[in-house]
Structures are given as C-alpha cells and as structure tokens.
Amino acid sequence: MDHSVCVGAVCFQKYPGDYSGFLDLAAELELSWVELKFESPICLREGSGKYDEIKEKAENFGIGLSLHTPFVGLNIGSIYEKERQESLRRIKESLIAAGKMGITLYNCSSRLSTLRGIYRPN
C-alpha cells in the first residue's frame, strides 16, 4: 500500500507575486499541487496572464494545477440582471483561462455553497 502524501498550496490573491512566481516557490518547496485563485489583483499581474508559460512551467515542475473561480463580489443568483451577467462573465473568463493553462479541475464556491468539477474546454 502506498502511504505517500501529496502536498500542495493555494495561491491567494494577496500573494505579492504572480502565478508564475508562485509556481517557482511551489517547486522550491517540492509541492505537487497548486490551486490558483482567479481574483484581483493577482490574476491581473503580468506573469499571471502568460497562460502557455504557466502550463509549461507546471508540467516541467511536475506540479498539478487547479483553479478557484472568482468569488469576491459575485452573485450569480442576483435579481439584478447586470450584476448577475457580470458575475457569470467573470466566472466564464476564469474557466477560459483555466483551459489555456491546461487546468481541468476547478473549484467554484462562495460562503453558501461549493461546486467542484471538471471543465473540458471545446
């Protein structure tokens, strides 16, 4: 029986670097998994938008990736159409980014509910 443990980390939006830098840190710490948070300001930093490089770096380091869709200020059940549409747009944007990084495991949660699944981009 294999008793090995995989250890990973979550890259919170308050991390001062970008996704690429967080992968460097994860490799240094010999982590096997990283979950990226798709929240401002980290998702907007220059190195976070280089999706092909992030995908390649994670593969080279042997680090698995998942993505947490945005949740701060979102309300997909809003009775206000503009708010609901903007919430859906931000989630869709994160799933497209996940696909570009080769990420197929995502976490979509708020304080009220959690949805985990596998996203398979077309």
Protein backbone atom coordinates (compact mmCIF):
# COMPACT_ATOMS: atom_id res chain seq x y z
CA MET A 1 0.00 0.00 0.00
CA ASP A 2 1.29 3.44 -0.96
CA HIS A 3 1.32 5.80 2.04
CA SER A 4 2.85 8.78 0.26
CA VAL A 5 1.23 12.16 0.75
CA CYS A 6 0.86 14.82 -1.90
CA VAL A 7 1.25 18.33 -0.56
CA GLY A 8 0.06 21.44 -2.30
CA ALA A 9 -0.68 25.10 -1.68
CA VAL A 10 -3.26 27.71 -2.57
CA CYS A 11 -2.09 30.90 -4.24
CA PHE A 12 -4.25 33.55 -2.58
CA GLN A 13 -4.88 36.90 -4.22
CA LYS A 14 -2.77 38.66 -1.55
CA TYR A 15 0.39 36.84 -2.68
CA PRO A 16 2.70 39.69 -3.76
CA GLY A 17 3.91 37.97 -6.93
CA ASP A 18 2.14 36.32 -9.84
CA TYR A 19 1.13 32.76 -10.76
CA SER A 20 4.48 32.06 -12.41
CA GLY A 21 6.41 33.16 -9.32
CA PHE A 22 4.16 31.08 -7.10
CA LEU A 23 4.97 28.00 -9.20
CA ASP A 24 8.68 28.70 -8.67
CA LEU A 25 8.05 28.81 -4.92
CA ALA A 26 5.99 25.60 -5.05
CA ALA A 27 8.80 23.82 -6.91
CA GLU A 28 11.34 25.06 -4.35
CA LEU A 29 9.14 23.63 -1.59
CA GLU A 30 8.73 20.38 -3.58
CA LEU A 31 4.95 20.70 -3.66
CA SER A 32 2.94 18.54 -6.00
CA TRP A 33 -0.19 20.65 -6.39
CA VAL A 34 -1.15 24.32 -6.61
CA GLU A 35 -4.59 25.90 -6.69
CA LEU A 36 -4.64 29.32 -8.35
CA LYS A 37 -7.19 31.89 -7.20
CA PHE A 38 -8.63 33.88 -10.10
CA GLU A 39 -9.07 37.12 -8.15
CA SER A 40 -7.69 40.62 -8.46
CA PRO A 41 -5.01 41.74 -8.15
CA ILE A 42 -3.03 38.52 -8.69
CA CYS A 43 -4.87 37.36 -11.81
CA LEU A 44 -4.17 40.74 -13.44
CA ARG A 45 -0.40 40.77 -12.86
CA GLU A 46 1.73 40.39 -15.97
CA GLY A 47 3.14 36.95 -15.19
CA SER A 48 -0.31 35.61 -14.32
CA GLY A 49 -1.65 36.18 -17.82
CA LYS A 50 1.06 34.16 -19.57
CA TYR A 51 -1.06 31.04 -19.64
CA ASP A 52 1.11 28.98 -22.01
CA GLU A 53 4.20 29.65 -19.87
CA ILE A 54 2.35 28.73 -16.68
CA LYS A 55 1.12 25.48 -18.23
CA GLU A 56 4.62 24.58 -19.43
CA LYS A 57 6.25 25.53 -16.11
CA ALA A 58 3.79 23.41 -14.10
CA GLU A 59 4.36 20.45 -16.42
CA ASN A 60 8.16 20.84 -16.21
CA PHE A 61 8.00 21.01 -12.40
CA GLY A 62 5.54 18.09 -12.22
CA ILE A 63 3.05 20.26 -10.34
CA GLY A 64 -0.67 19.68 -10.81
CA LEU A 65 -2.92 22.72 -11.13
CA SER A 66 -6.46 23.57 -10.21
CA LEU A 67 -8.21 26.91 -10.34
CA HIS A 68 -10.60 28.59 -7.94
CA THR A 69 -13.06 30.70 -9.88
CA PRO A 70 -13.60 34.26 -8.66
CA PHE A 71 -15.93 34.73 -5.72
CA VAL A 72 -15.34 38.17 -4.20
CA GLY A 73 -18.28 40.41 -5.03
CA LEU A 74 -20.03 37.85 -7.24
CA ASN A 75 -23.68 36.90 -7.11
CA ILE A 76 -24.81 34.57 -9.90
CA GLY A 77 -28.26 34.42 -8.31
CA SER A 78 -28.76 38.19 -8.21
CA ILE A 79 -32.17 39.56 -9.12
CA TYR A 80 -30.29 42.41 -10.81
CA GLU A 81 -29.52 41.35 -14.37
CA LYS A 82 -26.35 43.47 -14.75
CA GLU A 83 -24.86 42.08 -11.53
CA ARG A 84 -25.77 38.52 -12.48
CA GLN A 85 -24.35 38.87 -16.01
CA GLU A 86 -21.08 40.41 -14.73
CA SER A 87 -20.73 37.57 -12.21
CA LEU A 88 -21.23 34.98 -14.95
CA ARG A 89 -18.78 36.82 -17.24
CA ARG A 90 -16.04 36.72 -14.60
CA ILE A 91 -16.57 33.03 -13.93
CA LYS A 92 -16.53 32.26 -17.67
CA GLU A 93 -13.34 34.32 -18.06
CA SER A 94 -11.68 32.25 -15.32
CA LEU A 95 -12.72 28.97 -16.93
CA ILE A 96 -11.31 30.08 -20.29
CA ALA A 97 -8.02 30.99 -18.55
CA ALA A 98 -8.05 27.58 -16.84
CA GLY A 99 -8.42 25.87 -20.20
CA LYS A 100 -5.50 27.83 -21.63
CA MET A 101 -3.34 26.70 -18.69
CA GLY A 102 -4.39 23.09 -19.19
CA ILE A 103 -6.35 23.11 -15.94
CA THR A 104 -9.32 20.77 -15.89
CA LEU A 105 -10.11 20.81 -12.18
CA TYR A 106 -11.84 23.86 -10.81
CA ASN A 107 -13.43 24.97 -7.57
CA CYS A 108 -16.35 27.38 -7.61
CA SER A 109 -17.52 28.31 -4.14
CA SER A 110 -18.95 31.06 -2.06
CA ARG A 111 -19.72 31.22 1.60
CA LEU A 112 -23.04 29.50 0.87
CA SER A 113 -22.17 26.67 -1.48
CA THR A 114 -19.38 24.85 -3.26
CA LEU A 115 -19.27 23.35 -6.74
CA ARG A 116 -16.31 21.29 -7.81
CA GLY A 117 -16.00 19.80 -11.20
CA ILE A 118 -14.03 19.16 -14.28
CA TYR A 119 -14.14 21.73 -17.04
CA ARG A 120 -13.45 20.47 -20.53
CA PRO A 121 -12.99 23.41 -22.91
CA ASN A 122 -14.08 22.90 -26.52
